[in-house]
Amino acid sequence: MFEDVFPADHILTNATIYWVTQSIGSSIRAYQNVHLYPEPEADWTTPGVIVPTSFTFHLGDHASPGIDTAEQYEAAIRHGTTEIYADLREANVHRRGGHFGPWDNPGAWTHDLRRTFRPLR
């Protein structure tokens, strides 16, 4: 249930911060700019990211149309990113959580973060 994950006080606090600081526009500008000003393919480098990389997805985030299961998410990220990420360590998918993964499912997010970076010590 929405209120179990996002207590009213948290929602109101975040909304107030954006309202008082007048920063909602800058906080969402990156989402709009990706569509308005796509990076020219000529500027792409292969691989684009050479540092160790891991992904954590939550099935409640419907940002990827046509992907509904953990297996589909994992297959898509492993298939579609090999030219971009030179050192893809993990692609983790959790059934609980959504767009705000660390808030929706903090235990899973923290677990994935630690599992990714612990070996790099």
PDB file of N, CA and C in Angstrom:
ATOM      1  N   MET A   1       0.842  -1.182   0.000  1.00  0.00           N
ATOM      2  CA  MET A   1       0.000   0.000   0.000  1.00  0.00           C
ATOM      3  C   MET A   1       0.890   1.250   0.000  1.00  0.00           C
ATOM      4  N   PHE A   2       0.479   2.252  -0.727  1.00  0.00           N
ATOM      5  CA  PHE A   2       1.263   3.467  -0.905  1.00  0.00           C
ATOM      6  C   PHE A   2       1.667   4.094   0.427  1.00  0.00           C
ATOM      7  N   GLU A   3       0.738   4.233   1.331  1.00  0.00           N
ATOM      8  CA  GLU A   3       1.005   4.896   2.604  1.00  0.00           C
ATOM      9  C   GLU A   3       1.979   4.114   3.479  1.00  0.00           C
ATOM     10  N   ASP A   4       2.086   2.807   3.256  1.00  0.00           N
ATOM     11  CA  ASP A   4       3.032   2.015   4.032  1.00  0.00           C
ATOM     12  C   ASP A   4       4.470   2.314   3.618  1.00  0.00           C
ATOM     13  N   VAL A   5       4.668   2.605   2.357  1.00  0.00           N
ATOM     14  CA  VAL A   5       6.002   2.883   1.839  1.00  0.00           C
ATOM     15  C   VAL A   5       6.335   4.361   1.939  1.00  0.00           C
ATOM     16  N   PHE A   6       5.367   5.210   1.648  1.00  0.00           N
ATOM     17  CA  PHE A   6       5.580   6.647   1.639  1.00  0.00           C
ATOM     18  C   PHE A   6       4.656   7.313   2.659  1.00  0.00           C
ATOM     19  N   PRO A   7       5.091   7.426   3.913  1.00  0.00           N
ATOM     20  CA  PRO A   7       4.248   8.086   4.917  1.00  0.00           C
ATOM     21  C   PRO A   7       3.939   9.530   4.494  1.00  0.00           C
ATOM     22  N   ALA A   8       2.777   9.993   4.868  1.00  0.00           N
ATOM     23  CA  ALA A   8       2.333  11.337   4.481  1.00  0.00           C
ATOM     24  C   ALA A   8       3.354  12.400   4.867  1.00  0.00           C
ATOM     25  N   ASP A   9       3.974  12.278   6.035  1.00  0.00           N
ATOM     26  CA  ASP A   9       4.966  13.267   6.464  1.00  0.00           C
ATOM     27  C   ASP A   9       6.146  13.339   5.492  1.00  0.00           C
ATOM     28  N   HIS A  10       6.556  12.203   4.953  1.00  0.00           N
ATOM     29  CA  HIS A  10       7.669  12.194   3.999  1.00  0.00           C
ATOM     30  C   HIS A  10       7.276  12.870   2.698  1.00  0.00           C
ATOM     31  N   ILE A  11       6.078  12.569   2.221  1.00  0.00           N
ATOM     32  CA  ILE A  11       5.603  13.172   0.976  1.00  0.00           C
ATOM     33  C   ILE A  11       5.498  14.687   1.144  1.00  0.00           C
ATOM     34  N   LEU A  12       4.898  15.115   2.230  1.00  0.00           N
ATOM     35  CA  LEU A  12       4.727  16.551   2.468  1.00  0.00           C
ATOM     36  C   LEU A  12       6.072  17.249   2.650  1.00  0.00           C
ATOM     37  N   THR A  13       7.007  16.603   3.323  1.00  0.00           N
ATOM     38  CA  THR A  13       8.336  17.189   3.511  1.00  0.00           C
ATOM     39  C   THR A  13       9.033  17.373   2.171  1.00  0.00           C
ATOM     40  N   ASN A  14       9.021  16.331   1.337  1.00  0.00           N
ATOM     41  CA  ASN A  14       9.667  16.434   0.031  1.00  0.00           C
ATOM     42  C   ASN A  14       8.984  17.474  -0.848  1.00  0.00           C
ATOM     43  N   ALA A  15       7.669  17.490  -0.868  1.00  0.00           N
ATOM     44  CA  ALA A  15       6.950  18.476  -1.669  1.00  0.00           C
ATOM     45  C   ALA A  15       7.263  19.891  -1.195  1.00  0.00           C
ATOM     46  N   THR A  16       7.352  20.067   0.106  1.00  0.00           N
ATOM     47  CA  THR A  16       7.669  21.381   0.666  1.00  0.00           C
ATOM     48  C   THR A  16       9.079  21.821   0.279  1.00  0.00           C
ATOM     49  N   ILE A  17      10.011  20.899   0.320  1.00  0.00           N
ATOM     50  CA  ILE A  17      11.387  21.240  -0.069  1.00  0.00           C
ATOM     51  C   ILE A  17      11.422  21.717  -1.516  1.00  0.00           C
ATOM     52  N   TYR A  18      10.788  20.976  -2.417  1.00  0.00           N
ATOM     53  CA  TYR A  18      10.761  21.389  -3.825  1.00  0.00           C
ATOM     54  C   TYR A  18      10.032  22.721  -3.999  1.00  0.00           C
ATOM     55  N   TRP A  19       8.939  22.916  -3.264  1.00  0.00           N
ATOM     56  CA  TRP A  19       8.146  24.136  -3.396  1.00  0.00           C
ATOM     57  C   TRP A  19       8.936  25.344  -2.884  1.00  0.00           C
ATOM     58  N   VAL A  20       9.482  25.251  -1.685  1.00  0.00           N
ATOM     59  CA  VAL A  20      10.177  26.372  -1.059  1.00  0.00           C
ATOM     60  C   VAL A  20      11.449  26.745  -1.823  1.00  0.00           C
ATOM     61  N   THR A  21      12.170  25.748  -2.296  1.00  0.00           N
ATOM     62  CA  THR A  21      13.426  26.025  -3.010  1.00  0.00           C
ATOM     63  C   THR A  21      13.210  26.263  -4.501  1.00  0.00           C
ATOM     64  N   GLN A  22      11.979  26.096  -4.964  1.00  0.00           N
ATOM     65  CA  GLN A  22      11.628  26.258  -6.373  1.00  0.00           C
ATOM     66  C   GLN A  22      12.548  25.422  -7.268  1.00  0.00           C
ATOM     67  N   SER A  23      12.768  24.154  -6.857  1.00  0.00           N
ATOM     68  CA  SER A  23      13.731  23.306  -7.568  1.00  0.00           C
ATOM     69  C   SER A  23      13.102  22.120  -8.297  1.00  0.00           C
ATOM     70  N   ILE A  24      11.782  22.058  -8.395  1.00  0.00           N
ATOM     71  CA  ILE A  24      11.171  20.920  -9.080  1.00  0.00           C
ATOM     72  C   ILE A  24      11.578  20.894 -10.548  1.00  0.00           C
ATOM     73  N   GLY A  25      11.660  22.052 -11.186  1.00  0.00           N
ATOM     74  CA  GLY A  25      12.034  22.102 -12.603  1.00  0.00           C
ATOM     75  C   GLY A  25      13.418  21.536 -12.859  1.00  0.00           C
ATOM     76  N   SER A  26      14.380  21.960 -12.057  1.00  0.00           N
ATOM     77  CA  SER A  26      15.745  21.461 -12.267  1.00  0.00           C
ATOM     78  C   SER A  26      15.867  19.991 -11.888  1.00  0.00           C
ATOM     79  N   SER A  27      15.020  19.521 -10.976  1.00  0.00           N
ATOM     80  CA  SER A  27      15.117  18.121 -10.569  1.00  0.00           C
ATOM     81  C   SER A  27      14.604  17.162 -11.644  1.00  0.00           C
ATOM     82  N   ILE A  28      13.728  17.641 -12.519  1.00  0.00           N
ATOM     83  CA  ILE A  28      13.187  16.763 -13.561  1.00  0.00           C
ATOM     84  C   ILE A  28      13.684  17.129 -14.959  1.00  0.00           C
ATOM     85  N   ARG A  29      14.498  18.156 -15.052  1.00  0.00           N
ATOM     86  CA  ARG A  29      14.978  18.612 -16.358  1.00  0.00           C
ATOM     87  C   ARG A  29      15.732  17.519 -17.109  1.00  0.00           C
ATOM     88  N   ALA A  30      16.512  16.717 -16.407  1.00  0.00           N
ATOM     89  CA  ALA A  30      17.288  15.659 -17.074  1.00  0.00           C
ATOM     90  C   ALA A  30      16.379  14.688 -17.818  1.00  0.00           C
ATOM     91  N   TYR A  31      15.224  14.375 -17.259  1.00  0.00           N
ATOM     92  CA  TYR A  31      14.299  13.465 -17.925  1.00  0.00           C
ATOM     93  C   TYR A  31      13.814  14.057 -19.253  1.00  0.00           C
ATOM     94  N   GLN A  32      13.502  15.347 -19.241  1.00  0.00           N
ATOM     95  CA  GLN A  32      13.019  15.996 -20.461  1.00  0.00           C
ATOM     96  C   GLN A  32      14.154  16.165 -21.473  1.00  0.00           C
ATOM     97  N   ASN A  33      15.332  16.552 -21.005  1.00  0.00           N
ATOM     98  CA  ASN A  33      16.438  16.809 -21.917  1.00  0.00           C
ATOM     99  C   ASN A  33      16.888  15.566 -22.677  1.00  0.00           C
ATOM    100  N   VAL A  34      16.739  14.409 -22.085  1.00  0.00           N
ATOM    101  CA  VAL A  34      17.105  13.169 -22.777  1.00  0.00           C
ATOM    102  C   VAL A  34      16.304  13.024 -24.063  1.00  0.00           C
ATOM    103  N   HIS A  35      15.054  13.449 -24.012  1.00  0.00           N
ATOM    104  CA  HIS A  35      14.197  13.330 -25.190  1.00  0.00           C
ATOM    105  C   HIS A  35      14.333  14.529 -26.132  1.00  0.00           C
ATOM    106  N   LEU A  36      14.572  15.704 -25.570  1.00  0.00           N
ATOM    107  CA  LEU A  36      14.689  16.891 -26.407  1.00  0.00           C
ATOM    108  C   LEU A  36      16.025  16.956 -27.144  1.00  0.00           C
ATOM    109  N   TYR A  37      17.084  16.538 -26.458  1.00  0.00           N
ATOM    110  CA  TYR A  37      18.433  16.659 -27.018  1.00  0.00           C
ATOM    111  C   TYR A  37      19.172  15.331 -26.921  1.00  0.00           C
ATOM    112  N   PRO A  38      18.769  14.344 -27.704  1.00  0.00           N
ATOM    113  CA  PRO A  38      19.459  13.047 -27.624  1.00  0.00           C
ATOM    114  C   PRO A  38      20.915  13.187 -28.059  1.00  0.00           C
ATOM    115  N   GLU A  39      21.745  12.403 -27.420  1.00  0.00           N
ATOM    116  CA  GLU A  39      23.165  12.423 -27.743  1.00  0.00           C
ATOM    117  C   GLU A  39      23.373  11.857 -29.143  1.00  0.00           C
ATOM    118  N   PRO A  40      24.100  12.575 -30.006  1.00  0.00           N
ATOM    119  CA  PRO A  40      24.351  12.044 -31.347  1.00  0.00           C
ATOM    120  C   PRO A  40      25.151  10.755 -31.280  1.00  0.00           C
ATOM    121  N   GLU A  41      24.756   9.796 -32.074  1.00  0.00           N
ATOM    122  CA  GLU A  41      25.433   8.500 -32.059  1.00  0.00           C
ATOM    123  C   GLU A  41      26.923   8.642 -32.346  1.00  0.00           C
ATOM    124  N   ALA A  42      27.291   9.659 -33.092  1.00  0.00           N
ATOM    125  CA  ALA A  42      28.703   9.869 -33.412  1.00  0.00           C
ATOM    126  C   ALA A  42      29.531  10.167 -32.164  1.00  0.00           C
ATOM    127  N   ASP A  43      28.886  10.632 -31.079  1.00  0.00           N
ATOM    128  CA  ASP A  43      29.600  10.955 -29.846  1.00  0.00           C
ATOM    129  C   ASP A  43      29.756   9.753 -28.919  1.00  0.00           C
ATOM    130  N   TRP A  44      29.154   8.646 -29.266  1.00  0.00           N
ATOM    131  CA  TRP A  44      29.218   7.472 -28.406  1.00  0.00           C
ATOM    132  C   TRP A  44      30.619   6.875 -28.455  1.00  0.00           C
ATOM    133  N   THR A  45      31.068   6.413 -27.324  1.00  0.00           N
ATOM    134  CA  THR A  45      32.329   5.683 -27.272  1.00  0.00           C
ATOM    135  C   THR A  45      32.032   4.263 -26.839  1.00  0.00           C
ATOM    136  N   THR A  46      32.860   3.342 -27.222  1.00  0.00           N
ATOM    137  CA  THR A  46      32.647   1.946 -26.864  1.00  0.00           C
ATOM    138  C   THR A  46      33.882   1.424 -26.180  1.00  0.00           C
ATOM    139  N   PRO A  47      33.812   0.970 -24.972  1.00  0.00           N
ATOM    140  CA  PRO A  47      32.654   1.121 -24.091  1.00  0.00           C
ATOM    141  C   PRO A  47      32.621   2.525 -23.508  1.00  0.00           C
ATOM    142  N   GLY A  48      31.443   2.970 -23.176  1.00  0.00           N
ATOM    143  CA  GLY A  48      31.279   4.306 -22.618  1.00  0.00           C
ATOM    144  C   GLY A  48      31.626   4.381 -21.146  1.00  0.00           C
ATOM    145  N   VAL A  49      31.385   3.309 -20.411  1.00  0.00           N
ATOM    146  CA  VAL A  49      31.625   3.286 -18.965  1.00  0.00           C
ATOM    147  C   VAL A  49      32.590   2.151 -18.673  1.00  0.00           C
ATOM    148  N   ILE A  50      33.751   2.481 -18.113  1.00  0.00           N
ATOM    149  CA  ILE A  50      34.760   1.449 -17.870  1.00  0.00           C
ATOM    150  C   ILE A  50      34.902   1.068 -16.404  1.00  0.00           C
ATOM    151  N   VAL A  51      34.239   1.783 -15.503  1.00  0.00           N
ATOM    152  CA  VAL A  51      34.304   1.453 -14.084  1.00  0.00           C
ATOM    153  C   VAL A  51      33.354   0.296 -13.777  1.00  0.00           C
ATOM    154  N   PRO A  52      33.602  -0.444 -12.694  1.00  0.00           N
ATOM    155  CA  PRO A  52      32.678  -1.519 -12.321  1.00  0.00           C
ATOM    156  C   PRO A  52      31.257  -0.973 -12.142  1.00  0.00           C
ATOM    157  N   THR A  53      30.287  -1.672 -12.706  1.00  0.00           N
ATOM    158  CA  THR A  53      28.907  -1.197 -12.718  1.00  0.00           C
ATOM    159  C   THR A  53      27.958  -2.323 -12.337  1.00  0.00           C
ATOM    160  N   SER A  54      26.932  -1.963 -11.576  1.00  0.00           N
ATOM    161  CA  SER A  54      25.859  -2.896 -11.240  1.00  0.00           C
ATOM    162  C   SER A  54      24.545  -2.154 -11.334  1.00  0.00           C
ATOM    163  N   PHE A  55      23.482  -2.894 -11.562  1.00  0.00           N
ATOM    164  CA  PHE A  55      22.153  -2.312 -11.650  1.00  0.00           C
ATOM    165  C   PHE A  55      21.234  -2.985 -10.646  1.00  0.00           C
ATOM    166  N   THR A  56      20.350  -2.188 -10.074  1.00  0.00           N
ATOM    167  CA  THR A  56      19.291  -2.701  -9.222  1.00  0.00           C
ATOM    168  C   THR A  56      17.975  -2.174  -9.774  1.00  0.00           C
ATOM    169  N   PHE A  57      17.074  -3.093 -10.103  1.00  0.00           N
ATOM    170  CA  PHE A  57      15.755  -2.740 -10.620  1.00  0.00           C
ATOM    171  C   PHE A  57      14.693  -3.268  -9.671  1.00  0.00           C
ATOM    172  N   HIS A  58      13.555  -2.636  -9.702  1.00  0.00           N
ATOM    173  CA  HIS A  58      12.403  -3.058  -8.905  1.00  0.00           C
ATOM    174  C   HIS A  58      11.220  -3.198  -9.858  1.00  0.00           C
ATOM    175  N   LEU A  59      10.527  -4.302  -9.764  1.00  0.00           N
ATOM    176  CA  LEU A  59       9.438  -4.576 -10.707  1.00  0.00           C
ATOM    177  C   LEU A  59       8.286  -3.579 -10.621  1.00  0.00           C
ATOM    178  N   GLY A  60       8.202  -2.834  -9.529  1.00  0.00           N
ATOM    179  CA  GLY A  60       7.158  -1.824  -9.414  1.00  0.00           C
ATOM    180  C   GLY A  60       7.424  -0.576 -10.230  1.00  0.00           C
ATOM    181  N   ASP A  61       8.630  -0.458 -10.786  1.00  0.00           N
ATOM    182  CA  ASP A  61       8.980   0.683 -11.630  1.00  0.00           C
ATOM    183  C   ASP A  61       8.673   0.311 -13.073  1.00  0.00           C
ATOM    184  N   HIS A  62       7.663   0.895 -13.630  1.00  0.00           N
ATOM    185  CA  HIS A  62       7.220   0.525 -14.981  1.00  0.00           C
ATOM    186  C   HIS A  62       7.866   1.411 -16.046  1.00  0.00           C
ATOM    187  N   ALA A  63       9.146   1.710 -15.873  1.00  0.00           N
ATOM    188  CA  ALA A  63       9.851   2.570 -16.824  1.00  0.00           C
ATOM    189  C   ALA A  63      10.211   1.835 -18.106  1.00  0.00           C
ATOM    190  N   SER A  64      10.157   0.534 -18.089  1.00  0.00           N
ATOM    191  CA  SER A  64      10.534  -0.247 -19.269  1.00  0.00           C
ATOM    192  C   SER A  64       9.328  -1.016 -19.797  1.00  0.00           C
ATOM    193  N   PRO A  65       8.639  -0.460 -20.792  1.00  0.00           N
ATOM    194  CA  PRO A  65       7.453  -1.130 -21.332  1.00  0.00           C
ATOM    195  C   PRO A  65       7.790  -2.512 -21.885  1.00  0.00           C
ATOM    196  N   GLY A  66       6.919  -3.456 -21.620  1.00  0.00           N
ATOM    197  CA  GLY A  66       7.104  -4.809 -22.138  1.00  0.00           C
ATOM    198  C   GLY A  66       7.965  -5.696 -21.273  1.00  0.00           C
ATOM    199  N   ILE A  67       8.517  -5.150 -20.206  1.00  0.00           N
ATOM    200  CA  ILE A  67       9.321  -5.959 -19.292  1.00  0.00           C
ATOM    201  C   ILE A  67       8.542  -6.086 -17.998  1.00  0.00           C
ATOM    202  N   ASP A  68       8.120  -7.317 -17.704  1.00  0.00           N
ATOM    203  CA  ASP A  68       7.245  -7.532 -16.557  1.00  0.00           C
ATOM    204  C   ASP A  68       7.807  -8.486 -15.515  1.00  0.00           C
ATOM    205  N   THR A  69       8.839  -9.238 -15.844  1.00  0.00           N
ATOM    206  CA  THR A  69       9.366 -10.215 -14.900  1.00  0.00           C
ATOM    207  C   THR A  69      10.833  -9.928 -14.600  1.00  0.00           C
ATOM    208  N   ALA A  70      11.293 -10.492 -13.502  1.00  0.00           N
ATOM    209  CA  ALA A  70      12.702 -10.327 -13.123  1.00  0.00           C
ATOM    210  C   ALA A  70      13.615 -10.899 -14.193  1.00  0.00           C
ATOM    211  N   GLU A  71      13.228 -12.006 -14.764  1.00  0.00           N
ATOM    212  CA  GLU A  71      14.048 -12.642 -15.801  1.00  0.00           C
ATOM    213  C   GLU A  71      14.149 -11.754 -17.048  1.00  0.00           C
ATOM    214  N   GLN A  72      13.047 -11.107 -17.421  1.00  0.00           N
ATOM    215  CA  GLN A  72      13.065 -10.212 -18.578  1.00  0.00           C
ATOM    216  C   GLN A  72      13.954  -8.994 -18.326  1.00  0.00           C
ATOM    217  N   TYR A  73      13.883  -8.440 -17.123  1.00  0.00           N
ATOM    218  CA  TYR A  73      14.739  -7.303 -16.777  1.00  0.00           C
ATOM    219  C   TYR A  73      16.207  -7.694 -16.872  1.00  0.00           C
ATOM    220  N   GLU A  74      16.559  -8.793 -16.240  1.00  0.00           N
ATOM    221  CA  GLU A  74      17.958  -9.214 -16.230  1.00  0.00           C
ATOM    222  C   GLU A  74      18.458  -9.504 -17.642  1.00  0.00           C
ATOM    223  N   ALA A  75      17.665 -10.185 -18.434  1.00  0.00           N
ATOM    224  CA  ALA A  75      18.069 -10.490 -19.810  1.00  0.00           C
ATOM    225  C   ALA A  75      18.238  -9.205 -20.623  1.00  0.00           C
ATOM    226  N   ALA A  76      17.336  -8.253 -20.448  1.00  0.00           N
ATOM    227  CA  ALA A  76      17.415  -6.997 -21.200  1.00  0.00           C
ATOM    228  C   ALA A  76      18.665  -6.206 -20.838  1.00  0.00           C
ATOM    229  N   ILE A  77      18.975  -6.118 -19.560  1.00  0.00           N
ATOM    230  CA  ILE A  77      20.140  -5.327 -19.157  1.00  0.00           C
ATOM    231  C   ILE A  77      21.428  -6.011 -19.592  1.00  0.00           C
ATOM    232  N   ARG A  78      21.485  -7.302 -19.499  1.00  0.00           N
ATOM    233  CA  ARG A  78      22.706  -8.009 -19.912  1.00  0.00           C
ATOM    234  C   ARG A  78      22.880  -7.986 -21.428  1.00  0.00           C
ATOM    235  N   HIS A  79      21.777  -8.042 -22.144  1.00  0.00           N
ATOM    236  CA  HIS A  79      21.851  -8.044 -23.615  1.00  0.00           C
ATOM    237  C   HIS A  79      22.110  -6.646 -24.168  1.00  0.00           C
ATOM    238  N   GLY A  80      21.449  -5.649 -23.603  1.00  0.00           N
ATOM    239  CA  GLY A  80      21.490  -4.318 -24.186  1.00  0.00           C
ATOM    240  C   GLY A  80      22.594  -3.405 -23.715  1.00  0.00           C
ATOM    241  N   THR A  81      23.456  -3.862 -22.820  1.00  0.00           N
ATOM    242  CA  THR A  81      24.442  -2.939 -22.268  1.00  0.00           C
ATOM    243  C   THR A  81      25.890  -3.356 -22.467  1.00  0.00           C
ATOM    244  N   THR A  82      26.142  -4.458 -23.103  1.00  0.00           N
ATOM    245  CA  THR A  82      27.519  -4.943 -23.197  1.00  0.00           C
ATOM    246  C   THR A  82      28.430  -3.969 -23.939  1.00  0.00           C
ATOM    247  N   GLU A  83      27.888  -3.196 -24.859  1.00  0.00           N
ATOM    248  CA  GLU A  83      28.723  -2.229 -25.573  1.00  0.00           C
ATOM    249  C   GLU A  83      28.922  -0.948 -24.784  1.00  0.00           C
ATOM    250  N   ILE A  84      28.095  -0.720 -23.774  1.00  0.00           N
ATOM    251  CA  ILE A  84      28.181   0.515 -22.997  1.00  0.00           C
ATOM    252  C   ILE A  84      28.997   0.323 -21.725  1.00  0.00           C
ATOM    253  N   TYR A  85      28.765  -0.781 -21.024  1.00  0.00           N
ATOM    254  CA  TYR A  85      29.413  -1.021 -19.735  1.00  0.00           C
ATOM    255  C   TYR A  85      30.463  -2.115 -19.879  1.00  0.00           C
ATOM    256  N   ALA A  86      31.722  -1.734 -19.737  1.00  0.00           N
ATOM    257  CA  ALA A  86      32.817  -2.682 -19.930  1.00  0.00           C
ATOM    258  C   ALA A  86      32.913  -3.684 -18.790  1.00  0.00           C
ATOM    259  N   ASP A  87      32.495  -3.294 -17.595  1.00  0.00           N
ATOM    260  CA  ASP A  87      32.660  -4.146 -16.420  1.00  0.00           C
ATOM    261  C   ASP A  87      31.338  -4.266 -15.668  1.00  0.00           C
ATOM    262  N   LEU A  88      30.341  -4.871 -16.319  1.00  0.00           N
ATOM    263  CA  LEU A  88      29.041  -5.064 -15.678  1.00  0.00           C
ATOM    264  C   LEU A  88      29.156  -6.205 -14.690  1.00  0.00           C
ATOM    265  N   ARG A  89      29.035  -5.878 -13.398  1.00  0.00           N
ATOM    266  CA  ARG A  89      29.191  -6.880 -12.343  1.00  0.00           C
ATOM    267  C   ARG A  89      27.892  -7.627 -12.060  1.00  0.00           C
ATOM    268  N   GLU A  90      26.804  -6.895 -11.931  1.00  0.00           N
ATOM    269  CA  GLU A  90      25.544  -7.525 -11.560  1.00  0.00           C
ATOM    270  C   GLU A  90      24.358  -6.763 -12.136  1.00  0.00           C
ATOM    271  N   ALA A  91      23.283  -7.482 -12.354  1.00  0.00           N
ATOM    272  CA  ALA A  91      21.992  -6.893 -12.705  1.00  0.00           C
ATOM    273  C   ALA A  91      20.984  -7.540 -11.773  1.00  0.00           C
ATOM    274  N   ASN A  92      20.598  -6.819 -10.747  1.00  0.00           N
ATOM    275  CA  ASN A  92      19.709  -7.357  -9.725  1.00  0.00           C
ATOM    276  C   ASN A  92      18.291  -6.839  -9.938  1.00  0.00           C
ATOM    277  N   VAL A  93      17.328  -7.729  -9.775  1.00  0.00           N
ATOM    278  CA  VAL A  93      15.930  -7.363  -9.947  1.00  0.00           C
ATOM    279  C   VAL A  93      15.162  -7.841  -8.719  1.00  0.00           C
ATOM    280  N   HIS A  94      14.379  -6.921  -8.145  1.00  0.00           N
ATOM    281  CA  HIS A  94      13.614  -7.253  -6.940  1.00  0.00           C
ATOM    282  C   HIS A  94      12.128  -7.110  -7.231  1.00  0.00           C
ATOM    283  N   ARG A  95      11.364  -8.015  -6.698  1.00  0.00           N
ATOM    284  CA  ARG A  95       9.927  -8.020  -6.947  1.00  0.00           C
ATOM    285  C   ARG A  95       9.231  -6.881  -6.196  1.00  0.00           C
ATOM    286  N   ARG A  96       9.773  -6.467  -5.056  1.00  0.00           N
ATOM    287  CA  ARG A  96       9.168  -5.387  -4.269  1.00  0.00           C
ATOM    288  C   ARG A  96       9.918  -4.087  -4.526  1.00  0.00           C
ATOM    289  N   GLY A  97       9.174  -3.008  -4.674  1.00  0.00           N
ATOM    290  CA  GLY A  97       9.773  -1.699  -4.872  1.00  0.00           C
ATOM    291  C   GLY A  97       9.403  -1.123  -6.218  1.00  0.00           C
ATOM    292  N   GLY A  98       9.729   0.147  -6.387  1.00  0.00           N
ATOM    293  CA  GLY A  98       9.378   0.830  -7.624  1.00  0.00           C
ATOM    294  C   GLY A  98      10.448   1.828  -8.009  1.00  0.00           C
ATOM    295  N   HIS A  99      10.036   2.954  -8.552  1.00  0.00           N
ATOM    296  CA  HIS A  99      10.943   3.968  -9.077  1.00  0.00           C
ATOM    297  C   HIS A  99      11.883   4.494  -7.993  1.00  0.00           C
ATOM    298  N   PHE A 100      11.415   4.595  -6.776  1.00  0.00           N
ATOM    299  CA  PHE A 100      12.237   5.074  -5.668  1.00  0.00           C
ATOM    300  C   PHE A 100      12.729   3.881  -4.861  1.00  0.00           C
ATOM    301  N   GLY A 101      13.501   3.028  -5.511  1.00  0.00           N
ATOM    302  CA  GLY A 101      13.956   1.767  -4.931  1.00  0.00           C
ATOM    303  C   GLY A 101      14.556   1.844  -3.548  1.00  0.00           C
ATOM    304  N   PRO A 102      15.503   2.750  -3.295  1.00  0.00           N
ATOM    305  CA  PRO A 102      16.085   2.806  -1.952  1.00  0.00           C
ATOM    306  C   PRO A 102      15.063   3.145  -0.870  1.00  0.00           C
ATOM    307  N   TRP A 103      14.017   3.821  -1.239  1.00  0.00           N
ATOM    308  CA  TRP A 103      12.969   4.173  -0.284  1.00  0.00           C
ATOM    309  C   TRP A 103      11.943   3.046  -0.188  1.00  0.00           C
ATOM    310  N   ASP A 104      11.585   2.462  -1.323  1.00  0.00           N
ATOM    311  CA  ASP A 104      10.591   1.388  -1.353  1.00  0.00           C
ATOM    312  C   ASP A 104      11.094   0.101  -0.720  1.00  0.00           C
ATOM    313  N   ASN A 105      12.350  -0.225  -0.982  1.00  0.00           N
ATOM    314  CA  ASN A 105      12.909  -1.512  -0.569  1.00  0.00           C
ATOM    315  C   ASN A 105      14.368  -1.293  -0.150  1.00  0.00           C
ATOM    316  N   PRO A 106      14.584  -0.585   0.963  1.00  0.00           N
ATOM    317  CA  PRO A 106      15.951  -0.208   1.348  1.00  0.00           C
ATOM    318  C   PRO A 106      16.858  -1.394   1.626  1.00  0.00           C
ATOM    319  N   GLY A 107      16.329  -2.470   2.149  1.00  0.00           N
ATOM    320  CA  GLY A 107      17.156  -3.640   2.447  1.00  0.00           C
ATOM    321  C   GLY A 107      17.765  -4.244   1.189  1.00  0.00           C
ATOM    322  N   ALA A 108      16.960  -4.386   0.153  1.00  0.00           N
ATOM    323  CA  ALA A 108      17.458  -4.957  -1.106  1.00  0.00           C
ATOM    324  C   ALA A 108      18.470  -4.022  -1.754  1.00  0.00           C
ATOM    325  N   TRP A 109      18.169  -2.747  -1.755  1.00  0.00           N
ATOM    326  CA  TRP A 109      19.064  -1.769  -2.376  1.00  0.00           C
ATOM    327  C   TRP A 109      20.424  -1.749  -1.667  1.00  0.00           C
ATOM    328  N   THR A 110      20.393  -1.729  -0.346  1.00  0.00           N
ATOM    329  CA  THR A 110      21.637  -1.723   0.428  1.00  0.00           C
ATOM    330  C   THR A 110      22.418  -3.011   0.207  1.00  0.00           C
ATOM    331  N   HIS A 111      21.727  -4.126   0.185  1.00  0.00           N
ATOM    332  CA  HIS A 111      22.378  -5.420  -0.063  1.00  0.00           C
ATOM    333  C   HIS A 111      23.101  -5.415  -1.404  1.00  0.00           C
ATOM    334  N   ASP A 112      22.420  -4.930  -2.441  1.00  0.00           N
ATOM    335  CA  ASP A 112      23.025  -4.891  -3.775  1.00  0.00           C
ATOM    336  C   ASP A 112      24.230  -3.957  -3.818  1.00  0.00           C
ATOM    337  N   LEU A 113      24.109  -2.816  -3.181  1.00  0.00           N
ATOM    338  CA  LEU A 113      25.206  -1.851  -3.154  1.00  0.00           C
ATOM    339  C   LEU A 113      26.436  -2.443  -2.473  1.00  0.00           C
ATOM    340  N   ARG A 114      26.236  -3.075  -1.334  1.00  0.00           N
ATOM    341  CA  ARG A 114      27.359  -3.698  -0.610  1.00  0.00           C
ATOM    342  C   ARG A 114      27.961  -4.843  -1.410  1.00  0.00           C
ATOM    343  N   ARG A 115      27.119  -5.666  -2.018  1.00  0.00           N
ATOM    344  CA  ARG A 115      27.608  -6.812  -2.784  1.00  0.00           C
ATOM    345  C   ARG A 115      28.424  -6.354  -3.996  1.00  0.00           C
ATOM    346  N   THR A 116      28.073  -5.219  -4.553  1.00  0.00           N
ATOM    347  CA  THR A 116      28.810  -4.689  -5.697  1.00  0.00           C
ATOM    348  C   THR A 116      30.169  -4.139  -5.291  1.00  0.00           C
ATOM    349  N   PHE A 117      30.211  -3.352  -4.234  1.00  0.00           N
ATOM    350  CA  PHE A 117      31.440  -2.621  -3.922  1.00  0.00           C
ATOM    351  C   PHE A 117      32.355  -3.298  -2.897  1.00  0.00           C
ATOM    352  N   ARG A 118      31.846  -4.238  -2.127  1.00  0.00           N
ATOM    353  CA  ARG A 118      32.689  -4.907  -1.138  1.00  0.00           C
ATOM    354  C   ARG A 118      33.936  -5.552  -1.750  1.00  0.00           C
ATOM    355  N   PRO A 119      33.830  -6.229  -2.886  1.00  0.00           N
ATOM    356  CA  PRO A 119      35.040  -6.847  -3.477  1.00  0.00           C
ATOM    357  C   PRO A 119      36.058  -5.839  -3.996  1.00  0.00           C
ATOM    358  N   LEU A 120      35.703  -4.589  -4.105  1.00  0.00           N
ATOM    359  CA  LEU A 120      36.616  -3.598  -4.666  1.00  0.00           C
ATOM    360  C   LEU A 120      37.566  -3.000  -3.629  1.00  0.00           C
ATOM    361  N   ARG A 121      37.458  -3.425  -2.395  1.00  0.00           N
ATOM    362  CA  ARG A 121      38.328  -2.865  -1.351  1.00  0.00           C
ATOM    363  C   ARG A 121      39.771  -3.143  -1.621  1.00  0.00           C
TER     364      ARG A 121
END
